[in-house]
Amino acid sequence: MPVLDANIYCTEDDMADVFSASGISLRIDDVPPNDLANAIGRAGSQIDRYLYRRYRPEHLATSPLVRDAAATLACWFLCIRRGNPPPPGMVELYKDTIEFLKEVQLVQNDIPAIPPRKAYAPGLSIMLATQRPYPRAVVEKSRGTTLGGVPADYKQ
């Protein structure tokens, strides 16, 4: 299997923090080391699947929360690679990680210290009543305030 072309959000050391170095080496002892790179690439693809619409990849790469999620997913893909069942602790970590990523994707949760893309920046609407040329309500929209800072991808 070739190495996937994806955004890389974790390293082998990050995976060792989640699963231990011996746990990783026992799961890649039968093939060349590119299966480790495949697991990391698949994890990056899953992170992009859930978070790419809301956040830019260069911002995601700086977040420790995203790095931990990617390391958990990479360990999961490494565990299930041979068709063996993953350890129960890894199943819980995987479920928690996917649940968090789904919450972020559905805008029920945020990743701290990362600005959203312009489309997801908060907007203000002001309803005004006007009499010209006929009585009607007009809605003025603003793409944000200076209080929250300037969202990413927003040029004035």
C-alpha atoms as a PDB file:
ATOM      1  CA  MET A   1       0.000   0.000   0.000  1.00  0.00           C
ATOM      2  CA  PRO A   2       1.494   3.391  -0.921  1.00  0.00           C
ATOM      3  CA  VAL A   3       1.876   6.162   1.600  1.00  0.00           C
ATOM      4  CA  LEU A   4      -1.156   8.435   1.540  1.00  0.00           C
ATOM      5  CA  ASP A   5      -0.720  12.044   0.501  1.00  0.00           C
ATOM      6  CA  ALA A   6      -2.339  13.861   3.415  1.00  0.00           C
ATOM      7  CA  ASN A   7      -1.737  16.559   5.959  1.00  0.00           C
ATOM      8  CA  ILE A   8       0.456  15.210   8.746  1.00  0.00           C
ATOM      9  CA  TYR A   9      -0.670  16.256  12.214  1.00  0.00           C
ATOM     10  CA  CYS A  10       1.285  13.809  14.414  1.00  0.00           C
ATOM     11  CA  THR A  11       4.599  11.979  14.585  1.00  0.00           C
ATOM     12  CA  GLU A  12       5.724   8.570  15.763  1.00  0.00           C
ATOM     13  CA  ASP A  13       6.687  10.121  19.110  1.00  0.00           C
ATOM     14  CA  ASP A  14       3.133  11.438  19.531  1.00  0.00           C
ATOM     15  CA  MET A  15       1.838   7.937  18.814  1.00  0.00           C
ATOM     16  CA  ALA A  16       4.239   6.510  21.404  1.00  0.00           C
ATOM     17  CA  ASP A  17       2.724   8.876  23.989  1.00  0.00           C
ATOM     18  CA  VAL A  18      -0.692   7.339  23.306  1.00  0.00           C
ATOM     19  CA  PHE A  19       0.213   3.701  22.770  1.00  0.00           C
ATOM     20  CA  SER A  20       3.864   3.178  23.909  1.00  0.00           C
ATOM     21  CA  ALA A  21       6.881   2.563  21.719  1.00  0.00           C
ATOM     22  CA  SER A  22       6.740  -1.203  22.233  1.00  0.00           C
ATOM     23  CA  GLY A  23       3.050  -1.283  21.306  1.00  0.00           C
ATOM     24  CA  ILE A  24       3.882   0.431  18.030  1.00  0.00           C
ATOM     25  CA  SER A  25       6.927  -1.716  17.244  1.00  0.00           C
ATOM     26  CA  LEU A  26       4.946  -4.930  17.836  1.00  0.00           C
ATOM     27  CA  ARG A  27       2.369  -3.833  15.263  1.00  0.00           C
ATOM     28  CA  ILE A  28       4.819  -2.946  12.483  1.00  0.00           C
ATOM     29  CA  ASP A  29       7.270  -5.840  12.835  1.00  0.00           C
ATOM     30  CA  ASP A  30       6.073  -7.727   9.747  1.00  0.00           C
ATOM     31  CA  VAL A  31       6.339  -5.114   6.989  1.00  0.00           C
ATOM     32  CA  PRO A  32       8.509  -2.222   5.884  1.00  0.00           C
ATOM     33  CA  PRO A  33       8.083   0.924   7.984  1.00  0.00           C
ATOM     34  CA  ASN A  34       5.810   2.635   5.461  1.00  0.00           C
ATOM     35  CA  ASP A  35       2.744   1.155   7.217  1.00  0.00           C
ATOM     36  CA  LEU A  36       3.474   3.509  10.096  1.00  0.00           C
ATOM     37  CA  ALA A  37       3.450   6.392   7.614  1.00  0.00           C
ATOM     38  CA  ASN A  38       0.184   5.052   6.168  1.00  0.00           C
ATOM     39  CA  ALA A  39      -1.436   5.089   9.610  1.00  0.00           C
ATOM     40  CA  ILE A  40      -0.257   8.670  10.195  1.00  0.00           C
ATOM     41  CA  GLY A  41      -1.507   9.686   6.739  1.00  0.00           C
ATOM     42  CA  ARG A  42      -4.905   8.054   7.293  1.00  0.00           C
ATOM     43  CA  ALA A  43      -5.197   9.875  10.618  1.00  0.00           C
ATOM     44  CA  GLY A  44      -4.434  13.164   8.854  1.00  0.00           C
ATOM     45  CA  SER A  45      -7.110  12.399   6.268  1.00  0.00           C
ATOM     46  CA  GLN A  46      -9.660  11.740   9.020  1.00  0.00           C
ATOM     47  CA  ILE A  47      -8.757  14.985  10.783  1.00  0.00           C
ATOM     48  CA  ASP A  48      -9.199  16.836   7.483  1.00  0.00           C
ATOM     49  CA  ARG A  49     -12.509  15.049   6.909  1.00  0.00           C
ATOM     50  CA  TYR A  50     -13.951  16.458  10.121  1.00  0.00           C
ATOM     51  CA  LEU A  51     -12.150  19.791  10.533  1.00  0.00           C
ATOM     52  CA  TYR A  52     -11.052  21.086   7.115  1.00  0.00           C
ATOM     53  CA  ARG A  53     -14.243  23.073   6.458  1.00  0.00           C
ATOM     54  CA  ARG A  54     -13.923  25.032   9.706  1.00  0.00           C
ATOM     55  CA  TYR A  55     -10.152  25.418  10.122  1.00  0.00           C
ATOM     56  CA  ARG A  56      -7.122  25.887   7.893  1.00  0.00           C
ATOM     57  CA  PRO A  57      -4.601  22.996   7.906  1.00  0.00           C
ATOM     58  CA  GLU A  58      -1.686  25.251   8.902  1.00  0.00           C
ATOM     59  CA  HIS A  59      -3.651  26.287  11.995  1.00  0.00           C
ATOM     60  CA  LEU A  60      -4.657  22.705  12.780  1.00  0.00           C
ATOM     61  CA  ALA A  61      -1.011  21.625  12.691  1.00  0.00           C
ATOM     62  CA  THR A  62      -0.206  23.991  15.581  1.00  0.00           C
ATOM     63  CA  SER A  63      -2.852  22.662  17.986  1.00  0.00           C
ATOM     64  CA  PRO A  64      -1.834  20.137  20.660  1.00  0.00           C
ATOM     65  CA  LEU A  65      -5.458  18.962  20.816  1.00  0.00           C
ATOM     66  CA  VAL A  66      -5.437  18.110  17.102  1.00  0.00           C
ATOM     67  CA  ARG A  67      -2.023  16.443  17.465  1.00  0.00           C
ATOM     68  CA  ASP A  68      -3.376  14.197  20.246  1.00  0.00           C
ATOM     69  CA  ALA A  69      -6.475  13.350  18.204  1.00  0.00           C
ATOM     70  CA  ALA A  70      -4.357  12.504  15.168  1.00  0.00           C
ATOM     71  CA  ALA A  71      -2.027  10.331  17.272  1.00  0.00           C
ATOM     72  CA  THR A  72      -5.026   8.447  18.689  1.00  0.00           C
ATOM     73  CA  LEU A  73      -6.443   7.873  15.206  1.00  0.00           C
ATOM     74  CA  ALA A  74      -3.056   6.772  13.867  1.00  0.00           C
ATOM     75  CA  CYS A  75      -2.716   4.252  16.705  1.00  0.00           C
ATOM     76  CA  TRP A  76      -6.228   2.990  15.958  1.00  0.00           C
ATOM     77  CA  PHE A  77      -5.404   2.461  12.279  1.00  0.00           C
ATOM     78  CA  LEU A  78      -2.189   0.714  13.260  1.00  0.00           C
ATOM     79  CA  CYS A  79      -4.091  -1.609  15.619  1.00  0.00           C
ATOM     80  CA  ILE A  80      -6.731  -2.671  13.102  1.00  0.00           C
ATOM     81  CA  ARG A  81      -4.290  -3.000  10.197  1.00  0.00           C
ATOM     82  CA  ARG A  82      -3.933  -6.801  10.427  1.00  0.00           C
ATOM     83  CA  GLY A  83      -7.557  -7.463  11.286  1.00  0.00           C
ATOM     84  CA  ASN A  84      -6.828  -7.914  14.987  1.00  0.00           C
ATOM     85  CA  PRO A  85      -9.147  -6.343  17.552  1.00  0.00           C
ATOM     86  CA  PRO A  86      -7.711  -3.245  19.234  1.00  0.00           C
ATOM     87  CA  PRO A  87      -7.204  -3.149  23.020  1.00  0.00           C
ATOM     88  CA  PRO A  88     -10.247  -1.971  25.032  1.00  0.00           C
ATOM     89  CA  GLY A  89      -8.471   1.228  26.125  1.00  0.00           C
ATOM     90  CA  MET A  90      -7.778   2.118  22.500  1.00  0.00           C
ATOM     91  CA  VAL A  91     -11.459   1.578  21.641  1.00  0.00           C
ATOM     92  CA  GLU A  92     -12.462   4.112  24.313  1.00  0.00           C
ATOM     93  CA  LEU A  93      -9.864   6.636  23.145  1.00  0.00           C
ATOM     94  CA  TYR A  94     -11.023   6.211  19.539  1.00  0.00           C
ATOM     95  CA  LYS A  95     -14.704   6.699  20.444  1.00  0.00           C
ATOM     96  CA  ASP A  96     -13.933   9.821  22.484  1.00  0.00           C
ATOM     97  CA  THR A  97     -11.790  11.259  19.677  1.00  0.00           C
ATOM     98  CA  ILE A  98     -14.404  10.649  16.973  1.00  0.00           C
ATOM     99  CA  GLU A  99     -17.133  12.084  19.203  1.00  0.00           C
ATOM    100  CA  PHE A 100     -15.063  15.239  19.757  1.00  0.00           C
ATOM    101  CA  LEU A 101     -14.310  15.601  16.032  1.00  0.00           C
ATOM    102  CA  LYS A 102     -18.013  15.243  15.196  1.00  0.00           C
ATOM    103  CA  GLU A 103     -18.896  17.931  17.766  1.00  0.00           C
ATOM    104  CA  VAL A 104     -16.389  20.307  16.197  1.00  0.00           C
ATOM    105  CA  GLN A 105     -17.657  19.497  12.710  1.00  0.00           C
ATOM    106  CA  LEU A 106     -21.261  20.246  13.783  1.00  0.00           C
ATOM    107  CA  VAL A 107     -20.139  23.524  15.466  1.00  0.00           C
ATOM    108  CA  GLN A 108     -21.092  22.211  18.915  1.00  0.00           C
ATOM    109  CA  ASN A 109     -17.509  22.527  20.135  1.00  0.00           C
ATOM    110  CA  ASP A 110     -14.406  24.504  19.177  1.00  0.00           C
ATOM    111  CA  ILE A 111     -10.683  23.966  19.096  1.00  0.00           C
ATOM    112  CA  PRO A 112      -9.147  26.555  21.421  1.00  0.00           C
ATOM    113  CA  ALA A 113      -6.690  29.159  20.105  1.00  0.00           C
ATOM    114  CA  ILE A 114      -7.411  28.452  16.422  1.00  0.00           C
ATOM    115  CA  PRO A 115      -9.305  31.051  14.382  1.00  0.00           C
ATOM    116  CA  PRO A 116     -12.174  29.743  12.245  1.00  0.00           C
ATOM    117  CA  ARG A 117     -12.381  30.227   8.513  1.00  0.00           C
ATOM    118  CA  LYS A 118     -14.198  33.323   7.297  1.00  0.00           C
ATOM    119  CA  ALA A 119     -17.441  31.451   6.608  1.00  0.00           C
ATOM    120  CA  TYR A 120     -17.634  30.352  10.257  1.00  0.00           C
ATOM    121  CA  ALA A 121     -16.723  33.714  11.783  1.00  0.00           C
ATOM    122  CA  PRO A 122     -19.460  35.214  13.923  1.00  0.00           C
ATOM    123  CA  GLY A 123     -21.690  37.725  12.212  1.00  0.00           C
ATOM    124  CA  LEU A 124     -23.942  40.442  13.553  1.00  0.00           C
ATOM    125  CA  SER A 125     -27.329  41.277  12.115  1.00  0.00           C
ATOM    126  CA  ILE A 126     -29.101  44.548  12.799  1.00  0.00           C
ATOM    127  CA  MET A 127     -32.781  44.898  11.922  1.00  0.00           C
ATOM    128  CA  LEU A 128     -33.746  48.406  10.836  1.00  0.00           C
ATOM    129  CA  ALA A 129     -37.187  49.717  10.027  1.00  0.00           C
ATOM    130  CA  THR A 130     -37.341  52.068   7.061  1.00  0.00           C
ATOM    131  CA  GLN A 131     -40.158  53.966   5.395  1.00  0.00           C
ATOM    132  CA  ARG A 132     -38.490  54.575   2.040  1.00  0.00           C
ATOM    133  CA  PRO A 133     -39.521  53.795  -0.651  1.00  0.00           C
ATOM    134  CA  TYR A 134     -42.188  51.833   1.250  1.00  0.00           C
ATOM    135  CA  PRO A 135     -42.456  50.527   4.855  1.00  0.00           C
ATOM    136  CA  ARG A 136     -40.229  47.466   5.300  1.00  0.00           C
ATOM    137  CA  ALA A 137     -37.624  45.888   7.545  1.00  0.00           C
ATOM    138  CA  VAL A 138     -34.016  45.861   6.350  1.00  0.00           C
ATOM    139  CA  VAL A 139     -31.339  43.562   7.768  1.00  0.00           C
ATOM    140  CA  GLU A 140     -27.763  44.814   7.799  1.00  0.00           C
ATOM    141  CA  LYS A 141     -25.075  42.181   8.275  1.00  0.00           C
ATOM    142  CA  SER A 142     -21.582  42.575   9.626  1.00  0.00           C
ATOM    143  CA  ARG A 143     -18.928  39.840   9.395  1.00  0.00           C
ATOM    144  CA  GLY A 144     -17.719  40.371  12.952  1.00  0.00           C
ATOM    145  CA  THR A 145     -16.510  42.883  15.462  1.00  0.00           C
ATOM    146  CA  THR A 146     -13.102  44.052  16.551  1.00  0.00           C
ATOM    147  CA  LEU A 147     -13.772  42.553  19.988  1.00  0.00           C
ATOM    148  CA  GLY A 148     -13.198  38.973  18.844  1.00  0.00           C
ATOM    149  CA  GLY A 149     -10.254  39.761  16.599  1.00  0.00           C
ATOM    150  CA  VAL A 150     -10.038  39.320  12.876  1.00  0.00           C
ATOM    151  CA  PRO A 151     -11.043  35.848  11.611  1.00  0.00           C
ATOM    152  CA  ALA A 152      -8.670  33.902   9.364  1.00  0.00           C
ATOM    153  CA  ASP A 153      -9.034  34.401   5.592  1.00  0.00           C
ATOM    154  CA  TYR A 154     -10.706  37.780   6.094  1.00  0.00           C
ATOM    155  CA  LYS A 155      -9.221  40.615   4.094  1.00  0.00           C
ATOM    156  CA  GLN A 156     -10.684  44.100   4.194  1.00  0.00           C
END
